[in-house]
Amino acid sequence: MNRLRLFSFLFLLLFLLPQENIFSWGFWAHQKINHMAVFTLPPDMILFYKKNIDYITDHAVDPDKRRNAIPREAARHYFDTEHYGASDSVPGFWKDAVAKYGEDSLNNYGIVPWYIVKMTYMLTDAFLKKDAYLILRYSAELGHYVADAHVPLHTTENYNGQLTDQEGIHGFWESRLPELYGENYDYFTGRAKYIEHPQTEAWNIVHESFAAVDSVIGFEKLLTKTYPPDKKFSYEQQGTATKKVYSREFSEKYNEMLNGMVERRLRLAIQRVGGYWYTAWINAGSPRLDMDLTEEIHKKMQDSTQVEGQSGQTGKLKTKGHID
């Protein structure tokens, strides 16, 4: 089954998979990462970000909401490491990668490390212009892509266990576990650090995540051998719907086997999201963030919310690649 057909097939299974949702990190975790990243910022930044923390938090999920509407949005969330073989064979700079592989191929196998760098430049430019709306928008969205790169299953072709008969593991790792145990995580990661080489850091994040793929896949498969289906899954009331989910017992055992991996990746995501925001600000000359949010800016923020909400409701998926 080729990638596009698999993508369409997974869409048909959207409401059948045993998890709350199959978007990256889950809405809850993405919003938590952006929210807590605000508190890593230095005094000259934190006042502006704290004033607008609701926007930064709520809009952490915008890139997922618009994936049905923008053809190449999905590619910005992942990188299929196995497709490229040795990691040092992939050019770090986008233009060099395009010259070697072609843009269509890159978009088919994921561009998250390159897109993190692009978003960092965009945020830097917004700081230079002191454009309050774009600073907030790009900060929220950059946070999303940096967080996605910390998810092991965003760095492999076997992104939802479809190659190893483990469909649903994506949402299990990044949604079910954080939503069950996230309230007990330690979210205080210290101050954001300046990132000397944003491109190198983006690739380091991807390589770290890929190094954890074998454990994510292997532990779940090993545990599944000891559980009958009626013990592995259960049904829970979520709102007005009853949904099939990984059982709490199975989830607890898997979480123990991972030995805190989800929390570690989430904590690193918080620190690095703050680091990328801080780096963009420093590279823009550390401008004073004393802009008032005018009625015009508030209108832009409201309009963007409406557009993203509408695009998230469109019907058929038009993108190739992962459905996270």
Protein backbone atom coordinates (compact mmCIF):
# COMPACT_ATOMS: atom_id res chain seq x y z
CA MET A 1 0.00 0.00 0.00
CA ASN A 2 1.59 3.31 -1.02
CA ARG A 3 1.79 6.28 1.31
CA LEU A 4 -1.12 8.24 -0.16
CA ARG A 5 -3.45 5.23 -0.09
CA LEU A 6 -2.36 4.43 3.46
CA PHE A 7 -3.05 8.02 4.46
CA SER A 8 -6.58 7.83 3.02
CA PHE A 9 -7.15 4.48 4.71
CA LEU A 10 -6.12 5.88 8.07
CA PHE A 11 -8.51 8.76 7.61
CA LEU A 12 -11.38 6.28 7.20
CA LEU A 13 -10.30 4.72 10.50
CA LEU A 14 -10.22 8.09 12.23
CA PHE A 15 -12.99 7.29 14.68
CA LEU A 16 -12.15 3.60 15.04
CA LEU A 17 -8.64 3.82 16.44
CA PRO A 18 -8.29 3.09 20.16
CA GLN A 19 -7.28 6.56 21.35
CA GLU A 20 -8.73 9.96 22.08
CA ASN A 21 -7.30 11.52 18.92
CA ILE A 22 -4.44 10.90 16.55
CA PHE A 23 -3.05 14.38 16.28
CA SER A 24 0.50 15.14 17.33
CA TRP A 25 1.11 15.12 21.11
CA GLY A 26 -2.63 15.48 21.59
CA PHE A 27 -4.22 18.90 21.97
CA TRP A 28 -3.79 18.80 25.75
CA ALA A 29 -0.04 18.18 25.61
CA HIS A 30 0.65 20.73 22.84
CA GLN A 31 -1.15 23.40 24.79
CA LYS A 32 0.62 22.43 28.00
CA ILE A 33 4.04 22.65 26.30
CA ASN A 34 3.43 26.15 24.92
CA HIS A 35 1.89 27.31 28.19
CA MET A 36 4.81 26.15 30.33
CA ALA A 37 7.41 27.38 27.81
CA VAL A 38 6.28 30.94 28.62
CA PHE A 39 7.66 30.53 32.14
CA THR A 40 11.14 29.68 30.82
CA LEU A 41 11.54 33.17 29.34
CA PRO A 42 13.69 35.98 30.79
CA PRO A 43 12.13 39.06 32.44
CA ASP A 44 12.35 41.19 29.28
CA MET A 45 10.16 38.70 27.40
CA ILE A 46 7.94 37.06 29.96
CA LEU A 47 5.66 40.03 30.67
CA PHE A 48 4.50 40.25 27.04
CA TYR A 49 4.12 36.48 26.75
CA LYS A 50 2.28 36.14 30.06
CA LYS A 51 -0.17 38.87 29.01
CA ASN A 52 -0.94 36.77 25.95
CA ILE A 53 -0.51 33.31 27.42
CA ASP A 54 -4.07 32.30 26.56
CA TYR A 55 -3.42 32.96 22.86
CA ILE A 56 -0.03 31.17 22.96
CA THR A 57 -1.69 28.20 24.66
CA ASP A 58 -4.88 27.98 22.62
CA HIS A 59 -3.12 28.41 19.28
CA ALA A 60 -0.53 25.72 19.96
CA VAL A 61 -2.80 23.39 18.00
CA ASP A 62 -3.40 25.60 14.95
CA PRO A 63 -1.04 23.64 12.66
CA ASP A 64 -3.01 20.45 13.34
CA LYS A 65 -6.34 22.19 12.76
CA ARG A 66 -5.38 23.36 9.28
CA ARG A 67 -3.84 20.14 8.02
CA ASN A 68 -7.02 19.29 6.16
CA ALA A 69 -6.95 22.58 4.27
CA ILE A 70 -3.29 23.19 3.36
CA PRO A 71 -1.86 20.52 1.04
CA ARG A 72 1.70 20.47 2.41
CA GLU A 73 1.00 21.19 6.07
CA ALA A 74 1.33 17.54 7.16
CA ALA A 75 4.95 17.32 5.98
CA ARG A 76 5.95 20.01 8.47
CA HIS A 77 5.23 17.70 11.42
CA TYR A 78 7.53 14.73 10.82
CA PHE A 79 10.70 13.30 9.25
CA ASP A 80 11.01 9.71 7.99
CA THR A 81 14.54 8.93 9.09
CA GLU A 82 14.77 5.44 7.58
CA HIS A 83 14.05 6.71 4.09
CA TYR A 84 17.35 8.58 4.00
CA GLY A 85 19.65 5.95 5.46
CA ALA A 86 22.72 7.41 7.19
CA SER A 87 21.77 10.62 8.95
CA ASP A 88 24.90 12.43 7.79
CA SER A 89 23.80 11.97 4.17
CA VAL A 90 20.96 14.49 4.53
CA PRO A 91 21.95 18.12 3.86
CA GLY A 92 21.19 20.36 6.80
CA PHE A 93 20.32 23.36 4.64
CA TRP A 94 16.99 23.32 2.82
CA LYS A 95 18.30 24.52 -0.54
CA ASP A 96 20.95 21.78 -0.54
CA ALA A 97 18.35 19.17 0.38
CA VAL A 98 16.08 20.34 -2.45
CA ALA A 99 18.99 20.13 -4.88
CA LYS A 100 19.73 16.55 -3.76
CA TYR A 101 16.25 15.06 -3.34
CA GLY A 102 13.75 17.44 -4.94
CA GLU A 103 11.07 19.35 -3.08
CA ASP A 104 8.26 16.87 -3.80
CA SER A 105 10.25 14.00 -2.32
CA LEU A 106 11.15 16.00 0.76
CA ASN A 107 7.52 16.91 1.36
CA ASN A 108 6.52 13.26 1.03
CA TYR A 109 8.98 12.11 3.69
CA GLY A 110 8.75 15.06 6.07
CA ILE A 111 10.47 18.39 6.61
CA VAL A 112 10.11 19.15 10.33
CA PRO A 113 13.79 19.98 11.08
CA TRP A 114 14.01 22.39 8.16
CA TYR A 115 10.63 23.92 8.98
CA ILE A 116 11.63 24.61 12.58
CA VAL A 117 14.50 26.70 11.22
CA LYS A 118 12.23 28.51 8.78
CA MET A 119 9.76 29.35 11.54
CA THR A 120 12.62 30.62 13.70
CA TYR A 121 13.62 33.05 10.94
CA MET A 122 9.98 34.12 10.57
CA LEU A 123 9.68 34.78 14.30
CA THR A 124 12.97 36.72 14.28
CA ASP A 125 11.61 38.92 11.51
CA ALA A 126 8.39 39.49 13.47
CA PHE A 127 10.47 40.63 16.46
CA LEU A 128 12.47 42.97 14.22
CA LYS A 129 9.23 44.54 13.01
CA LYS A 130 7.72 44.51 16.52
CA ASP A 131 4.60 43.02 14.97
CA ALA A 132 2.72 41.84 18.04
CA TYR A 133 0.27 39.67 16.14
CA LEU A 134 2.94 37.83 14.15
CA ILE A 135 5.12 37.39 17.23
CA LEU A 136 2.27 35.63 18.98
CA ARG A 137 1.18 33.63 15.96
CA TYR A 138 4.67 32.45 15.00
CA SER A 139 5.58 31.71 18.61
CA ALA A 140 2.52 29.49 19.01
CA GLU A 141 3.16 27.66 15.76
CA LEU A 142 6.93 27.31 16.18
CA GLY A 143 6.16 25.75 19.55
CA HIS A 144 4.00 23.16 17.82
CA TYR A 145 6.67 22.04 15.36
CA VAL A 146 9.44 21.95 17.97
CA ALA A 147 7.19 19.83 20.19
CA ASP A 148 6.37 17.45 17.33
CA ALA A 149 10.05 16.82 16.67
CA HIS A 150 10.36 15.50 20.24
CA VAL A 151 7.92 12.66 19.53
CA PRO A 152 9.76 9.45 18.51
CA LEU A 153 6.96 8.33 16.19
CA HIS A 154 7.31 11.58 14.22
CA THR A 155 10.73 10.43 13.07
CA THR A 156 9.93 7.04 11.57
CA GLU A 157 8.06 5.59 8.61
CA ASN A 158 6.33 3.28 11.09
CA TYR A 159 4.65 6.32 12.58
CA ASN A 160 1.47 4.60 13.79
CA GLY A 161 2.72 1.05 14.12
CA GLN A 162 1.14 0.21 10.77
CA LEU A 163 4.23 -1.71 9.67
CA THR A 164 4.33 -3.87 12.82
CA ASP A 165 0.63 -4.54 13.41
CA GLN A 166 0.46 -1.93 16.18
CA GLU A 167 -1.99 0.57 14.72
CA GLY A 168 -2.94 3.15 17.31
CA ILE A 169 0.41 3.30 19.13
CA HIS A 170 0.95 6.89 17.98
CA GLY A 171 -1.94 8.30 19.95
CA PHE A 172 -1.25 5.86 22.78
CA TRP A 173 2.25 7.27 23.37
CA GLU A 174 1.62 10.95 22.80
CA SER A 175 -2.01 11.42 23.86
CA ARG A 176 -3.23 8.65 26.13
CA LEU A 177 -0.18 8.55 28.41
CA PRO A 178 0.16 12.34 28.90
CA GLU A 179 -3.54 12.68 29.54
CA LEU A 180 -3.45 9.90 32.15
CA TYR A 181 -0.24 10.89 33.93
CA GLY A 182 0.56 14.42 32.81
CA GLU A 183 -0.85 16.10 35.88
CA ASN A 184 1.98 14.55 37.90
CA TYR A 185 4.80 15.58 35.55
CA ASP A 186 7.43 18.10 36.62
CA TYR A 187 7.04 21.04 34.23
CA PHE A 188 9.65 23.38 35.65
CA THR A 189 12.65 23.04 33.39
CA GLY A 190 14.69 26.15 34.19
CA ARG A 191 15.39 29.17 32.02
CA ALA A 192 15.32 29.08 28.24
CA LYS A 193 18.78 28.88 26.72
CA TYR A 194 20.10 30.63 23.64
CA ILE A 195 20.51 28.19 20.76
CA GLU A 196 23.76 28.94 18.93
CA HIS A 197 22.85 26.84 15.91
CA PRO A 198 19.07 26.43 15.47
CA GLN A 199 19.55 24.12 12.49
CA THR A 200 21.91 21.77 14.34
CA GLU A 201 19.61 21.76 17.36
CA ALA A 202 16.59 20.83 15.20
CA TRP A 203 18.48 17.84 13.80
CA ASN A 204 19.68 16.85 17.27
CA ILE A 205 16.07 16.76 18.44
CA VAL A 206 15.08 14.52 15.54
CA HIS A 207 18.00 12.15 16.12
CA GLU A 208 17.19 11.93 19.85
CA SER A 209 13.60 11.08 19.04
CA PHE A 210 14.51 8.45 16.47
CA ALA A 211 16.87 6.78 18.95
CA ALA A 212 13.82 6.08 21.15
CA VAL A 213 11.68 4.50 18.41
CA ASP A 214 12.83 0.92 19.08
CA SER A 215 11.79 1.21 22.73
CA VAL A 216 8.43 2.80 21.90
CA ILE A 217 7.60 0.03 19.42
CA GLY A 218 9.34 -2.87 21.15
CA PHE A 219 7.95 -2.37 24.65
CA GLU A 220 4.36 -2.13 23.40
CA LYS A 221 4.75 -5.30 21.32
CA LEU A 222 6.32 -7.17 24.22
CA LEU A 223 3.58 -6.09 26.60
CA THR A 224 0.81 -6.93 24.12
CA LYS A 225 1.93 -10.59 24.12
CA THR A 226 0.95 -10.81 27.79
CA TYR A 227 -2.48 -9.17 27.45
CA PRO A 228 -5.68 -10.53 25.88
CA PRO A 229 -7.65 -7.91 23.91
CA ASP A 230 -10.27 -7.55 26.63
CA LYS A 231 -7.51 -6.52 29.06
CA LYS A 232 -5.53 -4.37 26.64
CA PHE A 233 -8.47 -2.16 25.71
CA SER A 234 -11.42 -0.76 27.58
CA TYR A 235 -14.27 1.69 27.01
CA GLU A 236 -14.48 5.10 28.64
CA GLN A 237 -17.07 7.83 28.62
CA GLN A 238 -15.67 10.98 27.01
CA GLY A 239 -18.21 13.74 26.94
CA THR A 240 -21.33 12.26 25.41
CA ALA A 241 -19.48 9.46 23.61
CA THR A 242 -18.20 6.09 24.73
CA LYS A 243 -14.81 5.38 23.17
CA LYS A 244 -12.45 2.46 22.93
CA VAL A 245 -9.13 3.28 24.59
CA TYR A 246 -6.05 1.50 25.86
CA SER A 247 -6.96 0.24 29.33
CA ARG A 248 -5.58 2.00 32.35
CA GLU A 249 -3.86 -1.20 33.48
CA PHE A 250 -2.13 -1.68 30.12
CA SER A 251 -1.25 2.02 29.98
CA GLU A 252 0.29 1.92 33.44
CA LYS A 253 2.47 -1.10 32.58
CA TYR A 254 3.61 0.49 29.32
CA ASN A 255 4.37 3.77 31.07
CA GLU A 256 6.50 1.88 33.62
CA MET A 257 8.41 0.13 30.85
CA LEU A 258 9.15 3.48 29.18
CA ASN A 259 10.63 4.63 32.50
CA GLY A 260 9.54 8.27 32.24
CA MET A 261 10.30 8.70 28.51
CA VAL A 262 7.12 10.65 27.73
CA GLU A 263 7.73 13.09 30.59
CA ARG A 264 11.38 13.53 29.59
CA ARG A 265 10.52 14.30 25.97
CA LEU A 266 7.76 16.69 27.05
CA ARG A 267 10.08 18.51 29.47
CA LEU A 268 12.74 18.85 26.78
CA ALA A 269 10.08 20.16 24.40
CA ILE A 270 9.09 22.87 26.90
CA GLN A 271 12.68 23.99 27.41
CA ARG A 272 13.50 24.01 23.72
CA VAL A 273 10.32 25.79 22.68
CA GLY A 274 11.29 28.55 25.10
CA GLY A 275 14.83 28.38 23.74
CA TYR A 276 13.74 28.91 20.15
CA TRP A 277 11.55 31.86 21.14
CA TYR A 278 14.41 33.35 23.14
CA THR A 279 16.88 32.77 20.30
CA ALA A 280 14.66 34.52 17.77
CA TRP A 281 14.31 37.49 20.14
CA ILE A 282 18.06 37.71 20.77
CA ASN A 283 18.82 37.45 17.05
CA ALA A 284 16.41 40.33 16.43
CA GLY A 285 18.42 42.54 18.78
CA SER A 286 16.35 41.94 21.95
CA PRO A 287 13.63 44.53 21.15
CA ARG A 288 11.45 45.91 23.92
CA LEU A 289 8.20 44.00 23.95
CA ASP A 290 6.05 46.89 25.11
CA MET A 291 3.54 46.81 22.26
CA ASP A 292 -0.09 47.41 23.12
CA LEU A 293 -2.53 45.02 21.53
CA THR A 294 -4.70 47.40 19.54
CA GLU A 295 -8.20 46.67 18.35
CA GLU A 296 -6.72 45.84 14.94
CA ILE A 297 -4.43 43.21 16.47
CA HIS A 298 -7.28 41.74 18.50
CA LYS A 299 -9.33 41.50 15.30
CA LYS A 300 -6.49 39.65 13.54
CA MET A 301 -6.28 37.24 16.46
CA GLN A 302 -10.02 36.65 16.40
CA ASP A 303 -10.07 36.24 12.62
CA SER A 304 -7.23 33.71 12.76
CA THR A 305 -9.15 31.70 15.34
CA GLN A 306 -12.20 31.58 13.09
CA VAL A 307 -10.19 30.61 10.00
CA GLU A 308 -8.31 27.86 11.83
CA GLY A 309 -11.52 26.54 13.31
CA GLN A 310 -13.15 26.39 9.89
CA SER A 311 -10.16 24.73 8.23
CA GLY A 312 -10.13 22.11 10.94
CA GLN A 313 -13.66 21.12 9.94
CA THR A 314 -13.03 20.46 6.27
CA GLY A 315 -13.86 17.02 5.01
CA LYS A 316 -11.34 14.98 3.06
CA LEU A 317 -7.67 15.10 3.84
CA LYS A 318 -5.69 16.48 0.93
CA THR A 319 -2.18 15.97 2.25
CA LYS A 320 0.25 13.13 1.75
CA GLY A 321 2.23 11.67 4.60
CA HIS A 322 1.57 11.00 8.26
CA ILE A 323 -1.70 11.30 10.00
CA ASP A 324 -0.37 11.88 13.50
